N, C-alpha and C. Protein backbone atom coordinates (compact mmCIF):
# COMPACT_ATOMS: atom_id res chain seq x y z
N MET A 1 90.57 106.70 142.79
CA MET A 1 91.94 106.56 142.37
C MET A 1 92.04 106.88 140.88
N PRO A 2 93.03 107.64 140.47
CA PRO A 2 93.17 107.99 139.06
C PRO A 2 93.53 106.76 138.22
N THR A 3 93.11 106.80 136.98
CA THR A 3 93.41 105.72 136.04
C THR A 3 94.75 105.99 135.38
N ARG A 4 95.58 104.96 135.33
CA ARG A 4 96.87 105.07 134.64
C ARG A 4 96.59 104.82 133.15
N VAL A 5 96.85 105.83 132.33
CA VAL A 5 96.54 105.75 130.90
C VAL A 5 97.84 105.56 130.12
N HIS A 6 97.88 104.49 129.32
CA HIS A 6 98.99 104.24 128.40
C HIS A 6 98.52 104.82 127.07
N GLU A 7 98.96 106.04 126.76
CA GLU A 7 98.43 106.75 125.60
C GLU A 7 99.43 106.79 124.46
N PHE A 8 98.93 106.52 123.26
CA PHE A 8 99.73 106.56 122.05
C PHE A 8 98.96 107.40 121.02
N ALA A 9 99.44 108.63 120.79
CA ALA A 9 98.75 109.54 119.88
C ALA A 9 99.10 109.27 118.42
N TRP A 10 100.34 109.00 118.11
CA TRP A 10 100.79 108.68 116.75
C TRP A 10 101.78 107.51 116.87
N PRO A 11 101.30 106.29 117.09
CA PRO A 11 102.21 105.17 117.35
C PRO A 11 103.08 104.83 116.14
N ASP A 12 104.30 104.37 116.45
CA ASP A 12 105.20 103.88 115.41
C ASP A 12 104.72 102.52 114.90
N ARG A 13 104.07 101.78 115.81
CA ARG A 13 103.61 100.43 115.47
C ARG A 13 102.39 100.10 116.32
N VAL A 14 101.38 99.50 115.70
CA VAL A 14 100.22 98.98 116.43
C VAL A 14 99.78 97.72 115.68
N VAL A 15 99.89 96.57 116.36
CA VAL A 15 99.61 95.28 115.73
C VAL A 15 98.96 94.32 116.71
N VAL A 16 98.28 93.32 116.14
CA VAL A 16 97.86 92.16 116.91
C VAL A 16 98.76 91.02 116.48
N GLY A 17 99.26 90.28 117.45
CA GLY A 17 100.10 89.12 117.18
C GLY A 17 99.80 88.05 118.21
N THR A 18 100.43 86.89 118.03
CA THR A 18 100.18 85.78 118.93
C THR A 18 101.48 85.16 119.42
N ILE A 19 101.34 84.48 120.55
CA ILE A 19 102.42 83.65 121.08
C ILE A 19 101.81 82.28 121.32
N GLY A 20 102.48 81.26 120.85
CA GLY A 20 101.97 79.90 121.05
C GLY A 20 101.53 79.27 119.74
N LEU A 21 101.18 77.99 119.83
CA LEU A 21 100.74 77.22 118.67
C LEU A 21 99.23 77.32 118.50
N PRO A 22 98.74 77.15 117.25
CA PRO A 22 97.30 77.18 117.04
C PRO A 22 96.59 76.23 118.00
N GLY A 23 95.54 76.71 118.60
CA GLY A 23 94.80 75.95 119.60
C GLY A 23 95.21 76.32 121.01
N ALA A 24 96.40 76.92 121.13
CA ALA A 24 96.90 77.34 122.44
C ALA A 24 97.58 78.70 122.32
N ARG A 25 97.10 79.52 121.39
CA ARG A 25 97.71 80.83 121.18
C ARG A 25 97.15 81.86 122.16
N THR A 26 98.00 82.79 122.53
CA THR A 26 97.56 83.97 123.28
C THR A 26 97.69 85.15 122.34
N PHE A 27 96.62 85.91 122.21
CA PHE A 27 96.60 87.08 121.33
C PHE A 27 97.00 88.31 122.12
N TYR A 28 97.81 89.17 121.48
CA TYR A 28 98.24 90.41 122.11
C TYR A 28 98.03 91.58 121.15
N LEU A 29 97.58 92.69 121.70
CA LEU A 29 97.59 93.96 121.00
C LEU A 29 98.84 94.66 121.51
N GLN A 30 99.75 94.98 120.59
CA GLN A 30 101.00 95.61 121.00
C GLN A 30 101.14 96.95 120.30
N VAL A 31 101.49 97.97 121.09
CA VAL A 31 101.65 99.33 120.57
C VAL A 31 103.02 99.84 120.99
N ARG A 32 103.69 100.51 120.02
CA ARG A 32 105.02 101.08 120.33
C ARG A 32 105.11 102.48 119.77
N ALA A 33 105.70 103.36 120.58
CA ALA A 33 106.08 104.71 120.16
C ALA A 33 107.45 104.95 120.77
N GLY A 34 108.46 105.06 119.93
CA GLY A 34 109.83 105.20 120.44
C GLY A 34 110.21 103.97 121.23
N THR A 35 110.58 104.17 122.47
CA THR A 35 110.98 103.04 123.33
C THR A 35 109.84 102.55 124.21
N GLN A 36 108.70 103.23 124.18
CA GLN A 36 107.55 102.82 124.99
C GLN A 36 106.78 101.72 124.26
N ILE A 37 106.67 100.55 124.89
CA ILE A 37 105.91 99.43 124.32
C ILE A 37 104.90 98.96 125.36
N VAL A 38 103.67 98.77 124.92
CA VAL A 38 102.64 98.22 125.78
C VAL A 38 102.00 97.04 125.05
N SER A 39 101.87 95.92 125.76
CA SER A 39 101.23 94.72 125.22
C SER A 39 100.09 94.33 126.14
N ILE A 40 98.91 94.16 125.56
CA ILE A 40 97.76 93.72 126.34
C ILE A 40 97.20 92.44 125.71
N ALA A 41 96.76 91.52 126.54
CA ALA A 41 96.21 90.26 126.05
C ALA A 41 94.76 90.45 125.62
N LEU A 42 94.39 89.77 124.53
CA LEU A 42 93.04 89.81 123.99
C LEU A 42 92.57 88.38 123.75
N GLU A 43 91.29 88.21 123.66
CA GLU A 43 90.73 86.94 123.19
C GLU A 43 90.73 86.98 121.67
N LYS A 44 90.74 85.80 121.06
CA LYS A 44 90.71 85.71 119.61
C LYS A 44 89.48 86.43 119.05
N GLN A 45 88.32 86.23 119.70
CA GLN A 45 87.09 86.86 119.24
C GLN A 45 87.16 88.38 119.35
N GLN A 46 87.80 88.89 120.39
CA GLN A 46 87.96 90.33 120.53
C GLN A 46 88.81 90.88 119.38
N SER A 47 89.86 90.15 119.04
CA SER A 47 90.74 90.56 117.95
C SER A 47 89.98 90.62 116.64
N ALA A 48 89.21 89.56 116.35
CA ALA A 48 88.44 89.50 115.11
C ALA A 48 87.41 90.62 115.05
N LEU A 49 86.71 90.86 116.13
CA LEU A 49 85.69 91.90 116.17
C LEU A 49 86.32 93.29 116.03
N LEU A 50 87.47 93.48 116.62
CA LEU A 50 88.17 94.75 116.52
C LEU A 50 88.51 95.06 115.07
N ALA A 51 89.06 94.09 114.34
CA ALA A 51 89.38 94.29 112.93
C ALA A 51 88.13 94.59 112.12
N GLU A 52 87.06 93.84 112.38
CA GLU A 52 85.81 94.03 111.66
C GLU A 52 85.25 95.43 111.88
N LYS A 53 85.24 95.88 113.12
CA LYS A 53 84.65 97.19 113.44
C LYS A 53 85.51 98.34 112.91
N ILE A 54 86.84 98.18 112.92
CA ILE A 54 87.70 99.22 112.35
C ILE A 54 87.42 99.35 110.86
N ASP A 55 87.32 98.22 110.16
CA ASP A 55 86.99 98.27 108.73
C ASP A 55 85.63 98.91 108.50
N GLU A 56 84.66 98.61 109.36
CA GLU A 56 83.33 99.22 109.21
C GLU A 56 83.40 100.74 109.34
N ILE A 57 84.15 101.22 110.34
CA ILE A 57 84.30 102.67 110.53
C ILE A 57 84.94 103.28 109.28
N LEU A 58 86.01 102.68 108.81
CA LEU A 58 86.73 103.22 107.66
C LEU A 58 85.87 103.17 106.39
N ASP A 59 85.15 102.07 106.20
CA ASP A 59 84.28 101.95 105.03
C ASP A 59 83.16 102.99 105.06
N GLN A 60 82.66 103.27 106.24
CA GLN A 60 81.62 104.28 106.38
C GLN A 60 82.18 105.67 106.07
N LEU A 61 83.41 105.94 106.51
CA LEU A 61 84.02 107.25 106.27
C LEU A 61 84.32 107.49 104.78
N ILE A 62 84.58 106.41 104.04
CA ILE A 62 84.83 106.54 102.60
C ILE A 62 83.61 107.12 101.90
N THR A 63 82.42 106.80 102.42
CA THR A 63 81.19 107.25 101.77
C THR A 63 80.90 108.73 101.99
N VAL A 64 81.64 109.38 102.89
CA VAL A 64 81.44 110.82 103.11
C VAL A 64 81.85 111.55 101.84
N GLU A 65 81.03 112.45 101.39
CA GLU A 65 81.26 113.18 100.14
C GLU A 65 82.69 113.68 100.01
N GLY A 66 83.37 113.24 98.98
CA GLY A 66 84.73 113.69 98.70
C GLY A 66 85.81 113.00 99.53
N ASN A 67 85.42 112.06 100.42
CA ASN A 67 86.39 111.35 101.27
C ASN A 67 87.40 112.35 101.86
N PRO A 68 86.92 113.31 102.66
CA PRO A 68 87.80 114.38 103.17
C PRO A 68 88.92 113.88 104.09
N PHE A 69 88.79 112.67 104.59
CA PHE A 69 89.81 112.15 105.51
C PHE A 69 90.83 111.27 104.80
N SER A 70 90.71 111.16 103.45
CA SER A 70 91.61 110.35 102.63
C SER A 70 91.70 108.92 103.13
N VAL A 71 90.56 108.32 103.41
CA VAL A 71 90.52 106.94 103.89
C VAL A 71 90.81 106.01 102.72
N PRO A 72 91.84 105.15 102.84
CA PRO A 72 92.14 104.23 101.75
C PRO A 72 91.11 103.11 101.66
N THR A 73 90.79 102.70 100.42
CA THR A 73 89.85 101.61 100.22
C THR A 73 90.50 100.25 100.46
N SER A 74 91.82 100.20 100.32
CA SER A 74 92.55 98.97 100.59
C SER A 74 93.77 99.31 101.46
N THR A 75 94.49 98.29 101.87
CA THR A 75 95.62 98.51 102.76
C THR A 75 96.80 99.09 102.00
N PRO A 76 97.31 100.24 102.44
CA PRO A 76 98.51 100.80 101.80
C PRO A 76 99.70 99.84 102.01
N ILE A 77 100.30 99.38 100.93
CA ILE A 77 101.35 98.37 100.98
C ILE A 77 102.52 98.80 101.87
N GLU A 78 102.82 100.08 101.88
CA GLU A 78 103.96 100.57 102.69
C GLU A 78 103.68 100.50 104.19
N LEU A 79 102.42 100.29 104.58
CA LEU A 79 102.08 100.21 106.00
C LEU A 79 101.90 98.78 106.49
N VAL A 80 102.05 97.80 105.59
CA VAL A 80 101.92 96.40 105.98
C VAL A 80 103.04 96.04 106.95
N ASP A 81 102.67 95.44 108.07
CA ASP A 81 103.63 95.04 109.12
C ASP A 81 103.43 93.56 109.40
N ASN A 82 104.33 92.73 108.91
CA ASN A 82 104.25 91.29 109.13
C ASN A 82 105.30 90.79 110.11
N ASP A 83 105.95 91.71 110.82
CA ASP A 83 106.97 91.32 111.79
C ASP A 83 106.34 90.70 113.03
N GLN A 84 107.15 89.90 113.73
CA GLN A 84 106.72 89.28 114.98
C GLN A 84 106.51 90.36 116.04
N LEU A 85 105.82 89.97 117.10
CA LEU A 85 105.69 90.87 118.25
C LEU A 85 107.06 91.13 118.83
N GLU A 86 107.24 92.31 119.39
CA GLU A 86 108.47 92.60 120.11
C GLU A 86 108.35 91.96 121.49
N ALA A 87 109.37 92.05 122.31
CA ALA A 87 109.34 91.43 123.63
C ALA A 87 108.03 91.76 124.34
N VAL A 88 107.30 90.72 124.75
CA VAL A 88 105.97 90.91 125.33
C VAL A 88 106.03 90.85 126.84
N GLN A 89 105.58 91.92 127.47
CA GLN A 89 105.33 91.95 128.91
C GLN A 89 103.88 92.39 129.03
N GLU A 90 103.02 91.42 129.37
CA GLU A 90 101.59 91.70 129.41
C GLU A 90 101.26 92.75 130.46
N GLN A 91 100.65 93.84 130.02
CA GLN A 91 100.25 94.92 130.92
C GLN A 91 98.96 94.54 131.64
N PHE A 92 97.99 94.02 130.86
CA PHE A 92 96.75 93.54 131.44
C PHE A 92 96.01 92.70 130.41
N ARG A 93 95.00 91.97 130.89
CA ARG A 93 94.11 91.19 130.02
C ARG A 93 92.89 92.05 129.74
N THR A 94 92.57 92.20 128.47
CA THR A 94 91.53 93.13 128.05
C THR A 94 90.13 92.64 128.39
N GLY A 95 89.36 93.56 128.96
CA GLY A 95 87.94 93.32 129.21
C GLY A 95 87.15 94.13 128.21
N ALA A 96 86.81 95.36 128.56
CA ALA A 96 86.01 96.24 127.70
C ALA A 96 86.89 96.99 126.72
N MET A 97 86.37 97.14 125.51
CA MET A 97 87.06 97.93 124.49
C MET A 97 86.03 98.85 123.84
N SER A 98 86.51 99.98 123.36
CA SER A 98 85.64 100.87 122.59
C SER A 98 86.41 101.46 121.43
N LEU A 99 85.69 101.75 120.37
CA LEU A 99 86.26 102.36 119.17
C LEU A 99 85.52 103.65 118.88
N GLY A 100 86.24 104.60 118.34
CA GLY A 100 85.62 105.85 117.96
C GLY A 100 86.38 106.50 116.82
N TRP A 101 85.93 107.66 116.45
CA TRP A 101 86.54 108.42 115.36
C TRP A 101 86.74 109.85 115.83
N ASP A 102 87.95 110.37 115.62
CA ASP A 102 88.25 111.76 115.97
C ASP A 102 88.44 112.53 114.66
N PRO A 103 87.42 113.29 114.24
CA PRO A 103 87.54 114.01 112.97
C PRO A 103 88.58 115.13 113.01
N ALA A 104 88.90 115.64 114.19
CA ALA A 104 89.88 116.72 114.30
C ALA A 104 91.28 116.25 113.89
N THR A 105 91.59 114.98 114.19
CA THR A 105 92.92 114.45 113.84
C THR A 105 92.85 113.39 112.74
N ALA A 106 91.65 113.05 112.30
CA ALA A 106 91.42 112.00 111.30
C ALA A 106 92.04 110.69 111.75
N GLN A 107 91.69 110.29 112.98
CA GLN A 107 92.23 109.06 113.55
C GLN A 107 91.13 108.20 114.15
N VAL A 108 91.33 106.88 114.04
CA VAL A 108 90.51 105.92 114.75
C VAL A 108 91.02 105.88 116.18
N VAL A 109 90.12 105.92 117.14
CA VAL A 109 90.50 105.93 118.55
C VAL A 109 90.06 104.62 119.19
N LEU A 110 91.02 103.93 119.79
CA LEU A 110 90.77 102.65 120.46
C LEU A 110 91.07 102.81 121.94
N GLU A 111 90.12 102.39 122.76
CA GLU A 111 90.32 102.35 124.22
C GLU A 111 90.14 100.91 124.66
N ALA A 112 91.06 100.44 125.51
CA ALA A 112 90.96 99.09 126.07
C ALA A 112 91.17 99.19 127.57
N ARG A 113 90.33 98.49 128.29
CA ARG A 113 90.41 98.47 129.76
C ARG A 113 90.55 97.02 130.21
N PRO A 114 91.17 96.81 131.35
CA PRO A 114 91.35 95.44 131.83
C PRO A 114 90.05 94.81 132.32
N ILE A 115 90.07 93.49 132.36
CA ILE A 115 88.96 92.74 132.96
C ILE A 115 88.91 93.14 134.42
N THR A 116 87.73 93.41 134.91
CA THR A 116 87.60 93.72 136.34
C THR A 116 86.75 92.64 136.98
N ASP A 117 87.19 92.19 138.12
CA ASP A 117 86.46 91.17 138.86
C ASP A 117 86.54 91.55 140.33
N VAL A 118 85.60 92.34 140.77
CA VAL A 118 85.62 92.84 142.14
C VAL A 118 85.44 91.74 143.18
N ASP A 119 84.91 90.60 142.75
CA ASP A 119 84.69 89.51 143.68
C ASP A 119 85.88 88.56 143.79
N ALA A 120 86.91 88.78 142.96
CA ALA A 120 88.05 87.85 142.98
C ALA A 120 88.87 88.05 144.25
N ASP A 121 89.15 86.93 144.93
CA ASP A 121 89.97 87.00 146.14
C ASP A 121 91.45 87.09 145.80
N ASP A 122 91.87 86.45 144.72
CA ASP A 122 93.28 86.43 144.35
C ASP A 122 93.54 87.40 143.20
N ASN A 123 93.16 88.64 143.39
CA ASN A 123 93.31 89.69 142.39
C ASN A 123 94.78 90.06 142.27
N ASP A 124 95.35 89.97 141.04
CA ASP A 124 96.76 90.32 140.90
C ASP A 124 96.96 91.73 140.39
N GLU A 125 95.96 92.59 140.46
CA GLU A 125 96.18 93.99 140.14
C GLU A 125 96.97 94.63 141.27
N SER A 126 97.77 95.65 140.92
CA SER A 126 98.58 96.28 141.96
C SER A 126 97.71 97.12 142.89
N LEU A 127 98.11 97.17 144.14
CA LEU A 127 97.39 97.94 145.15
C LEU A 127 98.18 99.19 145.50
N ASP A 128 97.49 100.29 145.74
CA ASP A 128 98.20 101.46 146.22
C ASP A 128 98.31 101.39 147.74
N GLU A 129 98.88 102.42 148.35
CA GLU A 129 99.10 102.37 149.81
C GLU A 129 97.82 102.30 150.63
N ASP A 130 96.69 102.71 150.07
CA ASP A 130 95.42 102.61 150.77
C ASP A 130 94.73 101.27 150.55
N GLY A 131 95.33 100.41 149.73
CA GLY A 131 94.76 99.09 149.46
C GLY A 131 93.77 99.09 148.30
N ALA A 132 93.62 100.23 147.62
CA ALA A 132 92.71 100.29 146.47
C ALA A 132 93.43 99.76 145.23
N THR A 133 92.69 99.15 144.32
CA THR A 133 93.31 98.64 143.11
C THR A 133 93.61 99.78 142.15
N GLU A 134 94.75 99.66 141.47
CA GLU A 134 95.14 100.66 140.48
C GLU A 134 94.47 100.31 139.17
N SER A 135 93.74 101.24 138.58
CA SER A 135 93.09 100.96 137.31
C SER A 135 93.97 101.51 136.18
N GLU A 136 93.87 100.87 135.02
CA GLU A 136 94.64 101.34 133.87
C GLU A 136 93.81 101.20 132.62
N MET A 137 94.29 101.82 131.57
CA MET A 137 93.65 101.70 130.26
C MET A 137 94.67 102.00 129.18
N LEU A 138 94.40 101.48 128.00
CA LEU A 138 95.22 101.76 126.83
C LEU A 138 94.40 102.65 125.91
N LEU A 139 95.01 103.74 125.45
CA LEU A 139 94.36 104.67 124.54
C LEU A 139 95.28 104.82 123.32
N VAL A 140 94.76 104.39 122.16
CA VAL A 140 95.56 104.42 120.93
C VAL A 140 94.80 105.21 119.87
N ARG A 141 95.50 106.13 119.23
CA ARG A 141 94.94 106.89 118.12
C ARG A 141 95.71 106.49 116.86
N MET A 142 94.98 105.97 115.87
CA MET A 142 95.61 105.47 114.64
C MET A 142 95.16 106.28 113.43
N PRO A 143 96.12 106.74 112.62
CA PRO A 143 95.74 107.34 111.35
C PRO A 143 95.02 106.31 110.48
N VAL A 144 94.26 106.76 109.49
CA VAL A 144 93.41 105.87 108.71
C VAL A 144 94.18 104.77 107.99
N GLY A 145 95.32 105.08 107.42
CA GLY A 145 96.12 104.06 106.73
C GLY A 145 96.63 103.01 107.69
N THR A 146 97.11 103.44 108.84
CA THR A 146 97.58 102.52 109.87
C THR A 146 96.44 101.64 110.36
N ALA A 147 95.27 102.24 110.54
CA ALA A 147 94.10 101.48 110.99
C ALA A 147 93.71 100.42 109.97
N ARG A 148 93.76 100.77 108.68
CA ARG A 148 93.43 99.80 107.63
C ARG A 148 94.44 98.65 107.63
N ALA A 149 95.73 98.97 107.78
CA ALA A 149 96.77 97.93 107.83
C ALA A 149 96.62 97.07 109.08
N PHE A 150 96.27 97.69 110.20
CA PHE A 150 96.05 96.97 111.45
C PHE A 150 94.93 95.95 111.29
N ALA A 151 93.82 96.36 110.69
CA ALA A 151 92.67 95.47 110.50
C ALA A 151 93.04 94.30 109.59
N LYS A 152 93.77 94.56 108.52
CA LYS A 152 94.17 93.50 107.59
C LYS A 152 95.05 92.47 108.30
N ARG A 153 96.07 92.93 109.00
CA ARG A 153 96.97 92.01 109.70
C ARG A 153 96.19 91.21 110.75
N THR A 154 95.32 91.87 111.48
CA THR A 154 94.57 91.20 112.53
C THR A 154 93.71 90.08 111.94
N ARG A 155 93.04 90.35 110.83
CA ARG A 155 92.23 89.30 110.17
C ARG A 155 93.11 88.11 109.77
N GLU A 156 94.30 88.39 109.27
CA GLU A 156 95.22 87.32 108.86
C GLU A 156 95.69 86.51 110.07
N ILE A 157 96.00 87.18 111.17
CA ILE A 157 96.46 86.49 112.38
C ILE A 157 95.34 85.61 112.93
N VAL A 158 94.14 86.13 112.99
CA VAL A 158 93.00 85.35 113.48
C VAL A 158 92.76 84.14 112.58
N GLY A 159 92.85 84.34 111.28
CA GLY A 159 92.60 83.26 110.32
C GLY A 159 93.69 82.21 110.25
N ALA A 160 94.83 82.46 110.86
CA ALA A 160 95.96 81.53 110.80
C ALA A 160 95.90 80.44 111.86
N GLY A 161 94.79 80.33 112.54
CA GLY A 161 94.64 79.33 113.59
C GLY A 161 94.31 77.96 113.02
N ARG A 162 93.74 77.14 113.86
CA ARG A 162 93.36 75.78 113.46
C ARG A 162 92.29 75.82 112.37
N PRO A 163 92.38 74.89 111.41
CA PRO A 163 91.33 74.83 110.39
C PRO A 163 90.00 74.37 111.01
N THR A 164 88.91 74.74 110.39
CA THR A 164 87.59 74.38 110.87
C THR A 164 87.08 73.14 110.14
N CYS A 165 86.48 72.21 110.87
CA CYS A 165 85.89 71.01 110.28
C CYS A 165 84.71 71.43 109.40
N PRO A 166 84.69 71.00 108.13
CA PRO A 166 83.58 71.39 107.25
C PRO A 166 82.24 70.75 107.63
N LEU A 167 82.29 69.70 108.45
CA LEU A 167 81.06 69.01 108.82
C LEU A 167 80.43 69.58 110.09
N CYS A 168 81.24 69.75 111.14
CA CYS A 168 80.66 70.18 112.42
C CYS A 168 80.97 71.63 112.77
N GLY A 169 81.98 72.22 112.10
CA GLY A 169 82.32 73.61 112.35
C GLY A 169 83.26 73.84 113.51
N TYR A 170 83.68 72.78 114.21
CA TYR A 170 84.61 72.93 115.32
C TYR A 170 86.05 72.87 114.81
N PRO A 171 86.99 73.46 115.55
CA PRO A 171 88.38 73.44 115.11
C PRO A 171 88.95 72.02 115.07
N ILE A 172 89.83 71.80 114.10
CA ILE A 172 90.51 70.52 113.97
C ILE A 172 91.87 70.66 114.64
N ASP A 173 92.12 69.84 115.66
CA ASP A 173 93.39 69.87 116.37
C ASP A 173 94.46 69.15 115.57
N ALA A 174 95.72 69.47 115.84
CA ALA A 174 96.85 68.83 115.17
C ALA A 174 96.89 67.34 115.47
N ASP A 175 96.42 66.93 116.64
CA ASP A 175 96.46 65.51 117.01
C ASP A 175 95.17 64.76 116.63
N GLY A 176 94.35 65.34 115.80
CA GLY A 176 93.16 64.66 115.33
C GLY A 176 91.89 65.40 115.69
N HIS A 177 90.77 64.83 115.23
CA HIS A 177 89.48 65.49 115.44
C HIS A 177 88.38 64.43 115.45
N ILE A 178 87.57 64.45 116.45
CA ILE A 178 86.40 63.57 116.49
C ILE A 178 85.21 64.47 116.17
N CYS A 179 84.67 64.24 115.01
CA CYS A 179 83.57 65.07 114.53
C CYS A 179 82.29 64.73 115.28
N THR A 180 81.69 65.74 115.85
CA THR A 180 80.43 65.57 116.55
C THR A 180 79.34 66.25 115.75
N LEU A 181 78.85 65.52 114.73
CA LEU A 181 77.80 66.08 113.89
C LEU A 181 76.52 66.26 114.70
N PRO A 182 75.85 67.36 114.50
CA PRO A 182 74.57 67.53 115.19
C PRO A 182 73.56 66.51 114.69
N GLU A 183 72.73 66.02 115.58
CA GLU A 183 71.71 65.03 115.21
C GLU A 183 70.62 65.69 114.40
N VAL A 184 70.16 64.99 113.40
CA VAL A 184 69.12 65.54 112.52
C VAL A 184 67.78 65.01 112.91
């Protein structure tokens, strides 16, 4: 069965945002081009790793002699996007993700695929007429400035969660925290 690809070659917007309160937030990667909007759910750790790896790719490209791709060392202020997510309709929950670099277009390439669980009896993926599951993926190509702004915002969103206990390292909930110090 062919894969349904949600492709964004030059998106108007690509951001990570959340819905919910710290400790119960759902992270979304949302991409928009014109009227087409796709939102996919991510884990907090996936979001953090995505920002880290995008920065690593960009930092590595800066070291190329003469910086031929004009990779910014910091986030271009005009590309900062602090707006809320637009109306969220979750397309899928992200499983595997990959990042790459396309030197022909000077863009960071992000691919995200849904979690697959072939053993699940209550699979809510859509079925085609033959009963096979429909597969999908998100393919986003980001210019270097947009990618740098995306990574910055994502780090800020991830960091805006619950504070960490300085003693045990676990998150402190709004309703209190029982510190479980490791035994020495």
